[in-house]
Protein backbone atom coordinates (compact mmCIF):
# COMPACT_ATOMS: atom_id res chain seq x y z
CA MET A 1 102.08 96.15 87.58
CA ASP A 2 103.13 93.06 89.53
CA THR A 3 101.11 92.62 92.73
CA LYS A 4 102.71 89.38 93.89
CA GLN A 5 104.86 89.27 97.02
CA THR A 6 107.50 86.71 97.91
CA GLU A 7 108.23 85.12 101.27
CA ASN A 8 110.52 82.36 102.45
CA GLY A 9 109.29 79.31 104.29
CA GLN A 10 109.73 75.61 104.98
CA VAL A 11 107.86 72.72 103.37
CA ILE A 12 105.96 70.79 106.04
CA MET A 13 103.75 68.53 103.90
CA ALA A 14 103.79 67.23 100.32
CA TYR A 15 100.63 66.33 98.42
CA PRO A 16 100.69 63.84 95.51
CA ASP A 17 99.77 66.40 92.83
CA LEU A 18 102.95 68.54 93.22
CA ARG A 19 101.37 70.84 95.78
CA PHE A 20 102.97 71.57 99.12
CA ARG A 21 101.98 72.88 102.53
CA VAL A 22 104.47 75.62 103.43
CA LEU A 23 105.01 77.25 106.82
CA LEU A 24 106.11 80.81 106.07
CA ASP A 25 108.58 82.74 108.22
CA SER A 26 105.73 85.05 109.21
CA GLY A 27 103.91 82.11 110.84
CA ARG A 28 101.20 81.55 108.18
CA GLU A 29 100.60 78.20 106.50
CA VAL A 30 99.79 78.23 102.79
CA THR A 31 99.29 75.69 100.04
CA ALA A 32 101.59 76.21 97.05
CA TYR A 33 102.29 74.47 93.75
CA THR A 34 105.58 74.25 91.88
CA CYS A 35 106.13 76.77 89.11
CA GLY A 36 106.57 75.67 85.51
CA ARG A 37 110.33 76.21 85.38
CA MET A 38 110.84 73.90 88.38
CA ARG A 39 108.70 71.23 86.71
CA LEU A 40 110.55 71.64 83.41
CA HIS A 41 113.97 71.14 85.01
CA LYS A 42 112.65 68.41 87.37
CA ILE A 43 113.75 70.21 90.54
CA ARG A 44 112.57 68.13 93.47
CA VAL A 45 111.11 69.65 96.60
CA VAL A 46 110.84 67.46 99.70
CA ILE A 47 109.63 67.94 103.25
CA GLY A 48 112.02 70.14 105.21
CA ASP A 49 113.31 72.17 102.23
CA ARG A 50 113.51 75.95 102.50
CA VAL A 51 111.68 77.56 99.59
CA THR A 52 110.65 80.96 98.24
CA VAL A 53 106.90 81.29 97.73
CA GLU A 54 105.21 83.85 95.49
CA LEU A 55 101.98 84.93 97.21
CA ASP A 56 98.85 86.10 95.41
CA PRO A 57 97.03 88.68 97.57
CA TYR A 58 93.72 88.32 95.70
CA LYS A 59 93.17 84.57 96.02
CA GLY A 60 94.38 84.16 99.59
CA THR A 61 96.04 80.83 100.33
CA ALA A 62 94.77 79.08 97.18
CA SER A 63 97.04 80.33 94.39
CA ASN A 64 100.64 80.48 95.58
CA ARG A 65 103.72 79.26 93.73
CA VAL A 66 107.00 77.75 94.90
CA THR A 67 109.49 79.62 92.73
CA LYS A 68 112.85 78.67 94.22
CA ARG A 69 114.41 76.06 96.48
CA LEU A 70 116.93 77.65 98.82
């Protein structure tokens, strides 16, 4: 059973270790890292990009993944 939820948001800050601060459409701010497929294909995410974030309900704002750049 997959318990992860996805939400769209906008990147507002980029950290040097491929993590990002994302402002979700619901108004929450979360920290997210890029998923492996995005790293493999060298898809760049910059400040201002719209992204899809996969949220983990058990770890709160600590373990979220950017899965797609819109």
